[in-house]
Amino acid sequence: MVLLDLLGRRWTLRVLWELRDGPATFRELRARCDALSPSVLSARLRELREAGLVAHAEGEGYGLTARGSELGEQLVALSAWAERWAAD
């Protein structure tokens, strides 16, 4: 339930989705997430770091940890399922 609470917060899944292909700086993430405010992005990144799903490396930006990448694989599968569901 804790994971579902975290993932259910506004913009959390989008941030994880945007990091699936590699690290991004704060500014890059904000640009990719359209209307996301800096304060909300900061809060989501802090929560994801505390959960061990995202890490920050100086000069590289934010990226998924091994556990975050593992979750990302599940999100890709869920996305494929959702596309099939939407088509029906």
C-alpha atoms as a PDB file:
ATOM      1  CA  MET A   1       0.000   0.000   0.000  1.00  0.00           C
ATOM      2  CA  VAL A   2       2.918   2.337   0.678  1.00  0.00           C
ATOM      3  CA  LEU A   3       4.151   1.954  -2.892  1.00  0.00           C
ATOM      4  CA  LEU A   4       0.682   2.552  -4.317  1.00  0.00           C
ATOM      5  CA  ASP A   5       0.374   5.681  -2.179  1.00  0.00           C
ATOM      6  CA  LEU A   6       3.691   6.967  -3.524  1.00  0.00           C
ATOM      7  CA  LEU A   7       2.900   6.105  -7.145  1.00  0.00           C
ATOM      8  CA  GLY A   8      -0.568   7.613  -6.828  1.00  0.00           C
ATOM      9  CA  ARG A   9       0.754  11.072  -6.018  1.00  0.00           C
ATOM     10  CA  ARG A  10       0.364  13.582  -8.786  1.00  0.00           C
ATOM     11  CA  TRP A  11       3.290  13.558 -11.261  1.00  0.00           C
ATOM     12  CA  THR A  12       5.164  10.662  -9.606  1.00  0.00           C
ATOM     13  CA  LEU A  13       4.585   8.182 -12.415  1.00  0.00           C
ATOM     14  CA  ARG A  14       5.409  10.815 -15.019  1.00  0.00           C
ATOM     15  CA  VAL A  15       8.749  11.584 -13.363  1.00  0.00           C
ATOM     16  CA  LEU A  16       9.617   7.884 -13.224  1.00  0.00           C
ATOM     17  CA  TRP A  17       8.518   7.460 -16.846  1.00  0.00           C
ATOM     18  CA  GLU A  18      10.703  10.343 -17.998  1.00  0.00           C
ATOM     19  CA  LEU A  19      13.745   8.817 -16.260  1.00  0.00           C
ATOM     20  CA  ARG A  20      13.331   5.376 -17.843  1.00  0.00           C
ATOM     21  CA  ASP A  21      15.737   6.149 -20.715  1.00  0.00           C
ATOM     22  CA  GLY A  22      18.480   7.643 -18.571  1.00  0.00           C
ATOM     23  CA  PRO A  23      19.394  10.468 -16.222  1.00  0.00           C
ATOM     24  CA  ALA A  24      18.044  13.990 -16.580  1.00  0.00           C
ATOM     25  CA  THR A  25      18.744  17.267 -14.853  1.00  0.00           C
ATOM     26  CA  PHE A  26      16.085  19.066 -12.849  1.00  0.00           C
ATOM     27  CA  ARG A  27      15.610  21.528 -15.714  1.00  0.00           C
ATOM     28  CA  GLU A  28      15.293  18.729 -18.303  1.00  0.00           C
ATOM     29  CA  LEU A  29      12.732  16.899 -16.181  1.00  0.00           C
ATOM     30  CA  ARG A  30      10.724  20.052 -15.721  1.00  0.00           C
ATOM     31  CA  ALA A  31      10.692  20.673 -19.490  1.00  0.00           C
ATOM     32  CA  ARG A  32       9.612  17.087 -20.198  1.00  0.00           C
ATOM     33  CA  CYS A  33       6.779  17.314 -17.660  1.00  0.00           C
ATOM     34  CA  ASP A  34       5.046  20.353 -19.189  1.00  0.00           C
ATOM     35  CA  ALA A  35       3.069  22.096 -16.441  1.00  0.00           C
ATOM     36  CA  LEU A  36       4.897  20.626 -13.457  1.00  0.00           C
ATOM     37  CA  SER A  37       5.831  23.316 -10.945  1.00  0.00           C
ATOM     38  CA  PRO A  38       9.377  23.387  -9.549  1.00  0.00           C
ATOM     39  CA  SER A  39       8.123  22.898  -5.988  1.00  0.00           C
ATOM     40  CA  VAL A  40       6.108  19.786  -6.906  1.00  0.00           C
ATOM     41  CA  LEU A  41       9.018  18.342  -8.913  1.00  0.00           C
ATOM     42  CA  SER A  42      11.325  18.953  -5.966  1.00  0.00           C
ATOM     43  CA  ALA A  43       8.905  17.210  -3.615  1.00  0.00           C
ATOM     44  CA  ARG A  44       8.455  14.213  -5.935  1.00  0.00           C
ATOM     45  CA  LEU A  45      12.198  13.810  -6.464  1.00  0.00           C
ATOM     46  CA  ARG A  46      12.764  13.981  -2.698  1.00  0.00           C
ATOM     47  CA  GLU A  47      10.095  11.319  -2.091  1.00  0.00           C
ATOM     48  CA  LEU A  48      11.483   9.080  -4.829  1.00  0.00           C
ATOM     49  CA  ARG A  49      15.003   9.453  -3.459  1.00  0.00           C
ATOM     50  CA  GLU A  50      13.801   8.595   0.049  1.00  0.00           C
ATOM     51  CA  ALA A  51      12.077   5.502  -1.379  1.00  0.00           C
ATOM     52  CA  GLY A  52      15.326   4.416  -3.043  1.00  0.00           C
ATOM     53  CA  LEU A  53      13.909   4.632  -6.566  1.00  0.00           C
ATOM     54  CA  VAL A  54      15.831   7.688  -7.774  1.00  0.00           C
ATOM     55  CA  ALA A  55      19.363   8.919  -7.079  1.00  0.00           C
ATOM     56  CA  HIS A  56      21.116  12.190  -7.831  1.00  0.00           C
ATOM     57  CA  ALA A  57      24.646  12.308  -9.217  1.00  0.00           C
ATOM     58  CA  GLU A  58      26.485  15.604  -9.550  1.00  0.00           C
ATOM     59  CA  GLY A  59      26.927  16.522 -13.183  1.00  0.00           C
ATOM     60  CA  GLU A  60      24.546  13.798 -14.371  1.00  0.00           C
ATOM     61  CA  GLY A  61      21.277  14.761 -12.780  1.00  0.00           C
ATOM     62  CA  TYR A  62      18.596  12.406 -11.516  1.00  0.00           C
ATOM     63  CA  GLY A  63      18.400   8.795 -12.561  1.00  0.00           C
ATOM     64  CA  LEU A  64      16.715   5.584 -11.601  1.00  0.00           C
ATOM     65  CA  THR A  65      18.416   3.300  -9.109  1.00  0.00           C
ATOM     66  CA  ALA A  66      18.524  -0.446  -9.775  1.00  0.00           C
ATOM     67  CA  ARG A  67      15.271  -0.788  -7.836  1.00  0.00           C
ATOM     68  CA  GLY A  68      13.780   2.146  -9.776  1.00  0.00           C
ATOM     69  CA  SER A  69      14.752   0.498 -13.069  1.00  0.00           C
ATOM     70  CA  GLU A  70      13.134  -2.726 -11.936  1.00  0.00           C
ATOM     71  CA  LEU A  71       9.940  -0.807 -11.173  1.00  0.00           C
ATOM     72  CA  GLY A  72      10.254   0.905 -14.563  1.00  0.00           C
ATOM     73  CA  GLU A  73      10.160  -2.486 -16.277  1.00  0.00           C
ATOM     74  CA  GLN A  74       6.881  -3.195 -14.532  1.00  0.00           C
ATOM     75  CA  LEU A  75       5.525   0.203 -15.589  1.00  0.00           C
ATOM     76  CA  VAL A  76       6.356  -0.554 -19.233  1.00  0.00           C
ATOM     77  CA  ALA A  77       4.392  -3.797 -18.932  1.00  0.00           C
ATOM     78  CA  LEU A  78       1.521  -1.925 -17.296  1.00  0.00           C
ATOM     79  CA  SER A  79       1.590   0.658 -20.084  1.00  0.00           C
ATOM     80  CA  ALA A  80       1.332  -2.093 -22.718  1.00  0.00           C
ATOM     81  CA  TRP A  81      -1.596  -3.609 -20.835  1.00  0.00           C
ATOM     82  CA  ALA A  82      -3.283  -0.192 -20.617  1.00  0.00           C
ATOM     83  CA  GLU A  83      -2.922   0.323 -24.372  1.00  0.00           C
ATOM     84  CA  ARG A  84      -4.612  -3.022 -25.048  1.00  0.00           C
ATOM     85  CA  TRP A  85      -7.347  -2.180 -22.534  1.00  0.00           C
ATOM     86  CA  ALA A  86      -7.933   1.251 -24.087  1.00  0.00           C
ATOM     87  CA  ALA A  87      -8.206  -0.309 -27.551  1.00  0.00           C
ATOM     88  CA  ASP A  88     -11.037  -2.542 -26.350  1.00  0.00           C
END
